[in-house]
């Protein structure tokens, strides 16, 4: 599975569960820096 497909699946499941990226990160125990990195990367 490539990175795009994996990300799309995570997004779909996250949205079905009505979770924000931050809520998912907190539930998974991921630091806020990963959340911020993804958003900055999307701006480029």
C-alpha atoms as a PDB file:
ATOM      1  CA  UNK A   1       0.000   0.000   0.000  1.00  0.00           C
ATOM      2  CA  UNK A   2       1.424   3.375  -0.899  1.00  0.00           C
ATOM      3  CA  UNK A   3       1.557   6.451   1.315  1.00  0.00           C
ATOM      4  CA  UNK A   4      -1.347   8.203  -0.454  1.00  0.00           C
ATOM      5  CA  UNK A   5      -3.687   5.216  -0.105  1.00  0.00           C
ATOM      6  CA  UNK A   6      -2.757   4.702   3.539  1.00  0.00           C
ATOM      7  CA  UNK A   7      -3.355   8.382   4.329  1.00  0.00           C
ATOM      8  CA  UNK A   8      -6.686   8.350   2.504  1.00  0.00           C
ATOM      9  CA  UNK A   9      -7.818   5.304   4.479  1.00  0.00           C
ATOM     10  CA  UNK A  10      -6.796   6.873   7.780  1.00  0.00           C
ATOM     11  CA  UNK A  11      -8.631  10.072   6.865  1.00  0.00           C
ATOM     12  CA  UNK A  12     -11.781   8.182   5.872  1.00  0.00           C
ATOM     13  CA  UNK A  13     -11.845   6.191   9.107  1.00  0.00           C
ATOM     14  CA  UNK A  14     -11.061   9.298  11.171  1.00  0.00           C
ATOM     15  CA  UNK A  15     -13.898  11.249   9.556  1.00  0.00           C
ATOM     16  CA  UNK A  16     -16.351   8.337   9.966  1.00  0.00           C
ATOM     17  CA  UNK A  17     -15.579   8.483  13.672  1.00  0.00           C
ATOM     18  CA  UNK A  18     -15.966  12.273  13.671  1.00  0.00           C
ATOM     19  CA  UNK A  19     -12.426  12.853  14.894  1.00  0.00           C
ATOM     20  CA  UNK A  20     -10.071  15.691  14.099  1.00  0.00           C
ATOM     21  CA  UNK A  21      -6.428  15.044  13.260  1.00  0.00           C
ATOM     22  CA  UNK A  22      -5.502  16.339  16.689  1.00  0.00           C
ATOM     23  CA  UNK A  23      -7.971  14.024  18.446  1.00  0.00           C
ATOM     24  CA  UNK A  24      -6.607  11.029  16.557  1.00  0.00           C
ATOM     25  CA  UNK A  25      -3.025  12.026  17.354  1.00  0.00           C
ATOM     26  CA  UNK A  26      -3.868  12.324  21.047  1.00  0.00           C
ATOM     27  CA  UNK A  27      -5.651   8.958  21.046  1.00  0.00           C
ATOM     28  CA  UNK A  28      -2.627   7.339  19.409  1.00  0.00           C
ATOM     29  CA  UNK A  29      -0.210   9.115  21.736  1.00  0.00           C
ATOM     30  CA  UNK A  30       1.462  10.992  18.891  1.00  0.00           C
ATOM     31  CA  UNK A  31       3.070  14.312  19.693  1.00  0.00           C
ATOM     32  CA  UNK A  32       1.601  17.533  18.342  1.00  0.00           C
ATOM     33  CA  UNK A  33       4.701  18.040  16.185  1.00  0.00           C
ATOM     34  CA  UNK A  34       3.557  15.275  13.820  1.00  0.00           C
ATOM     35  CA  UNK A  35       0.189  16.985  13.425  1.00  0.00           C
ATOM     36  CA  UNK A  36       1.859  20.334  12.743  1.00  0.00           C
ATOM     37  CA  UNK A  37       4.362  18.793  10.318  1.00  0.00           C
ATOM     38  CA  UNK A  38       1.577  17.330   8.210  1.00  0.00           C
ATOM     39  CA  UNK A  39      -0.234  20.659   7.999  1.00  0.00           C
ATOM     40  CA  UNK A  40       2.921  22.588   7.107  1.00  0.00           C
ATOM     41  CA  UNK A  41       3.806  19.970   4.498  1.00  0.00           C
ATOM     42  CA  UNK A  42       0.344  20.343   2.920  1.00  0.00           C
ATOM     43  CA  UNK A  43       0.922  24.086   2.501  1.00  0.00           C
ATOM     44  CA  UNK A  44       3.943  23.497   0.250  1.00  0.00           C
END
